[in-house]
Amino acid sequence: EEFRVIVLRPSEADGAAGEVYLADPPVLAR
């Protein structure tokens, strides 16, 4: 499924994952 999220931290140039915040349910994830 697709979700609308807020990007808290961008992905890095070396390929490291970023971090997003989903409001409902409230989830912080890579």
PDB file of all heavy atoms in Angstrom:
ATOM      1  N   GLU A   1       0.831  -1.201   0.000  1.00  0.00           N
ATOM      2  CA  GLU A   1       0.000   0.000   0.000  1.00  0.00           C
ATOM      3  C   GLU A   1       0.866   1.252   0.000  1.00  0.00           C
ATOM      4  O   GLU A   1       2.021   1.253   0.441  1.00  0.00           O
ATOM      5  CB  GLU A   1      -0.921   0.023   1.224  1.00  0.00           C
ATOM      6  CG  GLU A   1      -2.036  -0.988   1.182  1.00  0.00           C
ATOM      7  CD  GLU A   1      -3.027  -0.769   2.327  1.00  0.00           C
ATOM      8  OE1 GLU A   1      -3.191   0.399   2.770  1.00  0.00           O
ATOM      9  OE2 GLU A   1      -3.621  -1.765   2.783  1.00  0.00           O
ATOM     10  N   GLU A   2       0.261   2.345  -0.493  1.00  0.00           N
ATOM     11  CA  GLU A   2       0.947   3.624  -0.497  1.00  0.00           C
ATOM     12  C   GLU A   2       0.409   4.507   0.628  1.00  0.00           C
ATOM     13  O   GLU A   2      -0.774   4.442   0.981  1.00  0.00           O
ATOM     14  CB  GLU A   2       0.777   4.324  -1.848  1.00  0.00           C
ATOM     15  CG  GLU A   2       1.510   3.602  -2.975  1.00  0.00           C
ATOM     16  CD  GLU A   2       1.505   4.398  -4.266  1.00  0.00           C
ATOM     17  OE1 GLU A   2       0.672   5.326  -4.406  1.00  0.00           O
ATOM     18  OE2 GLU A   2       2.333   4.103  -5.150  1.00  0.00           O
ATOM     19  N   PHE A   3       1.297   5.327   1.190  1.00  0.00           N
ATOM     20  CA  PHE A   3       0.955   6.187   2.313  1.00  0.00           C
ATOM     21  C   PHE A   3       1.542   7.579   2.085  1.00  0.00           C
ATOM     22  O   PHE A   3       2.607   7.723   1.477  1.00  0.00           O
ATOM     23  CB  PHE A   3       1.526   5.635   3.624  1.00  0.00           C
ATOM     24  CG  PHE A   3       1.000   4.278   4.014  1.00  0.00           C
ATOM     25  CD1 PHE A   3       1.559   3.117   3.489  1.00  0.00           C
ATOM     26  CD2 PHE A   3      -0.049   4.162   4.903  1.00  0.00           C
ATOM     27  CE1 PHE A   3       1.085   1.871   3.848  1.00  0.00           C
ATOM     28  CE2 PHE A   3      -0.538   2.914   5.274  1.00  0.00           C
ATOM     29  CZ  PHE A   3       0.033   1.766   4.743  1.00  0.00           C
ATOM     30  N   ARG A   4       0.860   8.585   2.613  1.00  0.00           N
ATOM     31  CA  ARG A   4       1.397   9.946   2.624  1.00  0.00           C
ATOM     32  C   ARG A   4       2.178  10.129   3.924  1.00  0.00           C
ATOM     33  O   ARG A   4       1.660   9.873   5.021  1.00  0.00           O
ATOM     34  CB  ARG A   4       0.286  10.984   2.540  1.00  0.00           C
ATOM     35  CG  ARG A   4      -0.486  10.941   1.256  1.00  0.00           C
ATOM     36  CD  ARG A   4       0.360  11.429   0.083  1.00  0.00           C
ATOM     37  NE  ARG A   4       0.520  12.887   0.092  1.00  0.00           N
ATOM     38  CZ  ARG A   4       1.292  13.557  -0.748  1.00  0.00           C
ATOM     39  NH1 ARG A   4       2.020  12.883  -1.653  1.00  0.00           N
ATOM     40  NH2 ARG A   4       1.372  14.865  -0.688  1.00  0.00           N
ATOM     41  N   VAL A   5       3.423  10.559   3.804  1.00  0.00           N
ATOM     42  CA  VAL A   5       4.305  10.678   4.964  1.00  0.00           C
ATOM     43  C   VAL A   5       5.050  12.009   4.918  1.00  0.00           C
ATOM     44  O   VAL A   5       5.128  12.667   3.872  1.00  0.00           O
ATOM     45  CB  VAL A   5       5.341   9.529   5.014  1.00  0.00           C
ATOM     46  CG1 VAL A   5       4.656   8.177   5.144  1.00  0.00           C
ATOM     47  CG2 VAL A   5       6.243   9.572   3.778  1.00  0.00           C
ATOM     48  N   ILE A   6       5.600  12.385   6.075  1.00  0.00           N
ATOM     49  CA  ILE A   6       6.487  13.540   6.172  1.00  0.00           C
ATOM     50  C   ILE A   6       7.924  13.027   6.199  1.00  0.00           C
ATOM     51  O   ILE A   6       8.244  12.125   6.983  1.00  0.00           O
ATOM     52  CB  ILE A   6       6.190  14.362   7.439  1.00  0.00           C
ATOM     53  CG1 ILE A   6       4.798  14.987   7.355  1.00  0.00           C
ATOM     54  CG2 ILE A   6       7.244  15.452   7.652  1.00  0.00           C
ATOM     55  CD1 ILE A   6       4.341  15.634   8.650  1.00  0.00           C
ATOM     56  N   VAL A   7       8.770  13.578   5.370  1.00  0.00           N
ATOM     57  CA  VAL A   7      10.177  13.171   5.334  1.00  0.00           C
ATOM     58  C   VAL A   7      10.927  13.920   6.431  1.00  0.00           C
ATOM     59  O   VAL A   7      11.008  15.152   6.419  1.00  0.00           O
ATOM     60  CB  VAL A   7      10.813  13.461   3.965  1.00  0.00           C
ATOM     61  CG1 VAL A   7      12.282  13.023   3.968  1.00  0.00           C
ATOM     62  CG2 VAL A   7      10.048  12.744   2.857  1.00  0.00           C
ATOM     63  N   LEU A   8      11.456  13.177   7.400  1.00  0.00           N
ATOM     64  CA  LEU A   8      12.207  13.772   8.495  1.00  0.00           C
ATOM     65  C   LEU A   8      13.691  13.864   8.183  1.00  0.00           C
ATOM     66  O   LEU A   8      14.368  14.802   8.607  1.00  0.00           O
ATOM     67  CB  LEU A   8      12.014  12.959   9.776  1.00  0.00           C
ATOM     68  CG  LEU A   8      10.590  12.856  10.313  1.00  0.00           C
ATOM     69  CD1 LEU A   8      10.595  12.093  11.627  1.00  0.00           C
ATOM     70  CD2 LEU A   8       9.968  14.228  10.501  1.00  0.00           C
ATOM     71  N   ARG A   9      14.196  12.875   7.458  1.00  0.00           N
ATOM     72  CA  ARG A   9      15.624  12.854   7.140  1.00  0.00           C
ATOM     73  C   ARG A   9      15.784  12.312   5.729  1.00  0.00           C
ATOM     74  O   ARG A   9      15.239  11.254   5.407  1.00  0.00           O
ATOM     75  CB  ARG A   9      16.377  11.975   8.130  1.00  0.00           C
ATOM     76  CG  ARG A   9      17.898  12.059   8.024  1.00  0.00           C
ATOM     77  CD  ARG A   9      18.568  11.125   9.017  1.00  0.00           C
ATOM     78  NE  ARG A   9      18.308   9.735   8.690  1.00  0.00           N
ATOM     79  CZ  ARG A   9      18.015   8.800   9.589  1.00  0.00           C
ATOM     80  NH1 ARG A   9      17.945   9.102  10.864  1.00  0.00           N
ATOM     81  NH2 ARG A   9      17.796   7.547   9.217  1.00  0.00           N
ATOM     82  N   PRO A  10      16.503  13.020   4.864  1.00  0.00           N
ATOM     83  CA  PRO A  10      16.643  12.547   3.484  1.00  0.00           C
ATOM     84  C   PRO A  10      17.564  11.337   3.415  1.00  0.00           C
ATOM     85  O   PRO A  10      18.362  11.085   4.322  1.00  0.00           O
ATOM     86  CB  PRO A  10      17.259  13.752   2.768  1.00  0.00           C
ATOM     87  CG  PRO A  10      18.037  14.461   3.840  1.00  0.00           C
ATOM     88  CD  PRO A  10      17.231  14.277   5.105  1.00  0.00           C
ATOM     89  N   SER A  11      17.454  10.603   2.341  1.00  0.00           N
ATOM     90  CA  SER A  11      18.394   9.511   2.116  1.00  0.00           C
ATOM     91  C   SER A  11      19.766  10.100   1.811  1.00  0.00           C
ATOM     92  O   SER A  11      19.890  11.222   1.311  1.00  0.00           O
ATOM     93  CB  SER A  11      17.922   8.639   0.941  1.00  0.00           C
ATOM     94  OG  SER A  11      17.581   9.458  -0.172  1.00  0.00           O
ATOM     95  N   GLU A  12      20.815   9.355   2.165  1.00  0.00           N
ATOM     96  CA  GLU A  12      22.179   9.859   2.016  1.00  0.00           C
ATOM     97  C   GLU A  12      22.739   9.504   0.642  1.00  0.00           C
ATOM     98  O   GLU A  12      22.269   8.581  -0.035  1.00  0.00           O
ATOM     99  CB  GLU A  12      23.066   9.258   3.106  1.00  0.00           C
ATOM    100  CG  GLU A  12      22.604   9.551   4.522  1.00  0.00           C
ATOM    101  CD  GLU A  12      22.701  11.022   4.885  1.00  0.00           C
ATOM    102  OE1 GLU A  12      23.505  11.735   4.253  1.00  0.00           O
ATOM    103  OE2 GLU A  12      21.957  11.453   5.790  1.00  0.00           O
ATOM    104  N   ALA A  13      23.774  10.253   0.267  1.00  0.00           N
ATOM    105  CA  ALA A  13      24.392  10.024  -1.036  1.00  0.00           C
ATOM    106  C   ALA A  13      24.984   8.627  -1.150  1.00  0.00           C
ATOM    107  O   ALA A  13      25.081   8.063  -2.244  1.00  0.00           O
ATOM    108  CB  ALA A  13      25.471  11.083  -1.281  1.00  0.00           C
ATOM    109  N   ASP A  14      25.377   8.055   0.004  1.00  0.00           N
ATOM    110  CA  ASP A  14      25.983   6.715  -0.029  1.00  0.00           C
ATOM    111  C   ASP A  14      24.933   5.606  -0.050  1.00  0.00           C
ATOM    112  O   ASP A  14      25.255   4.428   0.078  1.00  0.00           O
ATOM    113  CB  ASP A  14      26.918   6.523   1.165  1.00  0.00           C
ATOM    114  CG  ASP A  14      26.193   6.635   2.505  1.00  0.00           C
ATOM    115  OD1 ASP A  14      24.952   6.793   2.507  1.00  0.00           O
ATOM    116  OD2 ASP A  14      26.867   6.565   3.553  1.00  0.00           O
ATOM    117  N   GLY A  15      23.661   6.008  -0.169  1.00  0.00           N
ATOM    118  CA  GLY A  15      22.600   5.017  -0.254  1.00  0.00           C
ATOM    119  C   GLY A  15      21.911   4.702   1.054  1.00  0.00           C
ATOM    120  O   GLY A  15      20.956   3.921   1.079  1.00  0.00           O
ATOM    121  N   ALA A  16      22.382   5.284   2.154  1.00  0.00           N
ATOM    122  CA  ALA A  16      21.735   5.051   3.450  1.00  0.00           C
ATOM    123  C   ALA A  16      20.298   5.540   3.410  1.00  0.00           C
ATOM    124  O   ALA A  16      19.995   6.594   2.821  1.00  0.00           O
ATOM    125  CB  ALA A  16      22.509   5.757   4.554  1.00  0.00           C
ATOM    126  N   ALA A  17      19.408   4.781   4.030  1.00  0.00           N
ATOM    127  CA  ALA A  17      17.979   5.097   3.978  1.00  0.00           C
ATOM    128  C   ALA A  17      17.671   6.393   4.724  1.00  0.00           C
ATOM    129  O   ALA A  17      18.371   6.771   5.668  1.00  0.00           O
ATOM    130  CB  ALA A  17      17.176   3.951   4.564  1.00  0.00           C
ATOM    131  N   GLY A  18      16.628   7.063   4.301  1.00  0.00           N
ATOM    132  CA  GLY A  18      16.118   8.214   5.021  1.00  0.00           C
ATOM    133  C   GLY A  18      15.127   7.786   6.080  1.00  0.00           C
ATOM    134  O   GLY A  18      14.962   6.592   6.359  1.00  0.00           O
ATOM    135  N   GLU A  19      14.439   8.761   6.656  1.00  0.00           N
ATOM    136  CA  GLU A  19      13.461   8.479   7.712  1.00  0.00           C
ATOM    137  C   GLU A  19      12.192   9.262   7.424  1.00  0.00           C
ATOM    138  O   GLU A  19      12.248  10.451   7.074  1.00  0.00           O
ATOM    139  CB  GLU A  19      14.027   8.872   9.073  1.00  0.00           C
ATOM    140  CG  GLU A  19      13.108   8.516  10.240  1.00  0.00           C
ATOM    141  CD  GLU A  19      13.721   8.894  11.580  1.00  0.00           C
ATOM    142  OE1 GLU A  19      14.015  10.097  11.774  1.00  0.00           O
ATOM    143  OE2 GLU A  19      13.911   8.001  12.411  1.00  0.00           O
ATOM    144  N   VAL A  20      11.046   8.587   7.585  1.00  0.00           N
ATOM    145  CA  VAL A  20       9.755   9.228   7.327  1.00  0.00           C
ATOM    146  C   VAL A  20       8.832   9.038   8.523  1.00  0.00           C
ATOM    147  O   VAL A  20       9.016   8.129   9.345  1.00  0.00           O
ATOM    148  CB  VAL A  20       9.090   8.656   6.057  1.00  0.00           C
ATOM    149  CG1 VAL A  20       9.930   8.966   4.825  1.00  0.00           C
ATOM    150  CG2 VAL A  20       8.843   7.151   6.188  1.00  0.00           C
ATOM    151  N   TYR A  21       7.842   9.917   8.592  1.00  0.00           N
ATOM    152  CA  TYR A  21       6.852   9.875   9.674  1.00  0.00           C
ATOM    153  C   TYR A  21       5.462   9.760   9.076  1.00  0.00           C
ATOM    154  O   TYR A  21       5.028  10.624   8.304  1.00  0.00           O
ATOM    155  CB  TYR A  21       6.959  11.132  10.528  1.00  0.00           C
ATOM    156  CG  TYR A  21       5.879  11.254  11.581  1.00  0.00           C
ATOM    157  CD1 TYR A  21       5.750  10.309  12.594  1.00  0.00           C
ATOM    158  CD2 TYR A  21       4.979  12.317  11.561  1.00  0.00           C
ATOM    159  CE1 TYR A  21       4.760  10.407  13.551  1.00  0.00           C
ATOM    160  CE2 TYR A  21       3.982  12.436  12.528  1.00  0.00           C
ATOM    161  CZ  TYR A  21       3.873  11.481  13.513  1.00  0.00           C
ATOM    162  OH  TYR A  21       2.890  11.586  14.463  1.00  0.00           O
ATOM    163  N   LEU A  22       4.806   8.673   9.423  1.00  0.00           N
ATOM    164  CA  LEU A  22       3.419   8.431   9.034  1.00  0.00           C
ATOM    165  C   LEU A  22       2.534   8.826  10.208  1.00  0.00           C
ATOM    166  O   LEU A  22       2.754   8.370  11.327  1.00  0.00           O
ATOM    167  CB  LEU A  22       3.229   6.952   8.678  1.00  0.00           C
ATOM    168  CG  LEU A  22       1.799   6.452   8.443  1.00  0.00           C
ATOM    169  CD1 LEU A  22       1.190   7.133   7.230  1.00  0.00           C
ATOM    170  CD2 LEU A  22       1.815   4.934   8.263  1.00  0.00           C
ATOM    171  N   ALA A  23       1.523   9.660   9.954  1.00  0.00           N
ATOM    172  CA  ALA A  23       0.728  10.193  11.056  1.00  0.00           C
ATOM    173  C   ALA A  23      -0.322   9.224  11.577  1.00  0.00           C
ATOM    174  O   ALA A  23      -0.649   9.232  12.766  1.00  0.00           O
ATOM    175  CB  ALA A  23       0.060  11.500  10.630  1.00  0.00           C
ATOM    176  N   ASP A  24      -0.881   8.362  10.704  1.00  0.00           N
ATOM    177  CA  ASP A  24      -1.965   7.485  11.136  1.00  0.00           C
ATOM    178  C   ASP A  24      -1.843   6.123  10.466  1.00  0.00           C
ATOM    179  O   ASP A  24      -2.112   6.006   9.265  1.00  0.00           O
ATOM    180  CB  ASP A  24      -3.320   8.111  10.803  1.00  0.00           C
ATOM    181  CG  ASP A  24      -4.487   7.301  11.342  1.00  0.00           C
ATOM    182  OD1 ASP A  24      -4.254   6.512  12.292  1.00  0.00           O
ATOM    183  OD2 ASP A  24      -5.616   7.445  10.835  1.00  0.00           O
ATOM    184  N   PRO A  25      -1.446   5.078  11.229  1.00  0.00           N
ATOM    185  CA  PRO A  25      -1.002   5.131  12.625  1.00  0.00           C
ATOM    186  C   PRO A  25       0.356   5.821  12.727  1.00  0.00           C
ATOM    187  O   PRO A  25       1.118   5.814  11.748  1.00  0.00           O
ATOM    188  CB  PRO A  25      -0.900   3.653  13.016  1.00  0.00           C
ATOM    189  CG  PRO A  25      -0.595   2.959  11.721  1.00  0.00           C
ATOM    190  CD  PRO A  25      -1.352   3.713  10.674  1.00  0.00           C
ATOM    191  N   PRO A  26       0.650   6.436  13.873  1.00  0.00           N
ATOM    192  CA  PRO A  26       1.910   7.185  13.988  1.00  0.00           C
ATOM    193  C   PRO A  26       3.116   6.252  13.958  1.00  0.00           C
ATOM    194  O   PRO A  26       3.349   5.488  14.891  1.00  0.00           O
ATOM    195  CB  PRO A  26       1.769   7.897  15.332  1.00  0.00           C
ATOM    196  CG  PRO A  26       0.799   7.070  16.112  1.00  0.00           C
ATOM    197  CD  PRO A  26      -0.135   6.486  15.108  1.00  0.00           C
ATOM    198  N   VAL A  27       3.887   6.318  12.890  1.00  0.00           N
ATOM    199  CA  VAL A  27       5.003   5.407  12.672  1.00  0.00           C
ATOM    200  C   VAL A  27       6.221   6.205  12.224  1.00  0.00           C
ATOM    201  O   VAL A  27       6.119   7.058  11.331  1.00  0.00           O
ATOM    202  CB  VAL A  27       4.655   4.355  11.602  1.00  0.00           C
ATOM    203  CG1 VAL A  27       5.883   3.541  11.214  1.00  0.00           C
ATOM    204  CG2 VAL A  27       3.542   3.434  12.092  1.00  0.00           C
ATOM    205  N   LEU A  28       7.362   5.935  12.835  1.00  0.00           N
ATOM    206  CA  LEU A  28       8.656   6.421  12.375  1.00  0.00           C
ATOM    207  C   LEU A  28       9.384   5.246  11.751  1.00  0.00           C
ATOM    208  O   LEU A  28       9.511   4.187  12.389  1.00  0.00           O
ATOM    209  CB  LEU A  28       9.482   6.981  13.536  1.00  0.00           C
ATOM    210  CG  LEU A  28       9.030   8.309  14.141  1.00  0.00           C
ATOM    211  CD1 LEU A  28       9.732   8.534  15.474  1.00  0.00           C
ATOM    212  CD2 LEU A  28       9.335   9.455  13.201  1.00  0.00           C
ATOM    213  N   ALA A  29       9.864   5.399  10.518  1.00  0.00           N
ATOM    214  CA  ALA A  29      10.477   4.251   9.854  1.00  0.00           C
ATOM    215  C   ALA A  29      11.480   4.714   8.802  1.00  0.00           C
ATOM    216  O   ALA A  29      11.458   5.855   8.344  1.00  0.00           O
ATOM    217  CB  ALA A  29       9.410   3.376   9.205  1.00  0.00           C
ATOM    218  N   ARG A  30      12.348   3.769   8.408  1.00  0.00           N
ATOM    219  CA  ARG A  30      13.314   4.034   7.342  1.00  0.00           C
ATOM    220  C   ARG A  30      12.614   3.992   5.995  1.00  0.00           C
ATOM    221  O   ARG A  30      11.565   3.333   5.831  1.00  0.00           O
ATOM    222  CB  ARG A  30      14.445   3.019   7.391  1.00  0.00           C
ATOM    223  CG  ARG A  30      14.003   1.588   7.161  1.00  0.00           C
ATOM    224  CD  ARG A  30      15.135   0.595   7.366  1.00  0.00           C
ATOM    225  NE  ARG A  30      16.157   0.740   6.340  1.00  0.00           N
ATOM    226  CZ  ARG A  30      16.124   0.120   5.167  1.00  0.00           C
ATOM    227  NH1 ARG A  30      15.112  -0.693   4.873  1.00  0.00           N
ATOM    228  NH2 ARG A  30      17.094   0.294   4.303  1.00  0.00           N
TER     229      ARG A  30
END
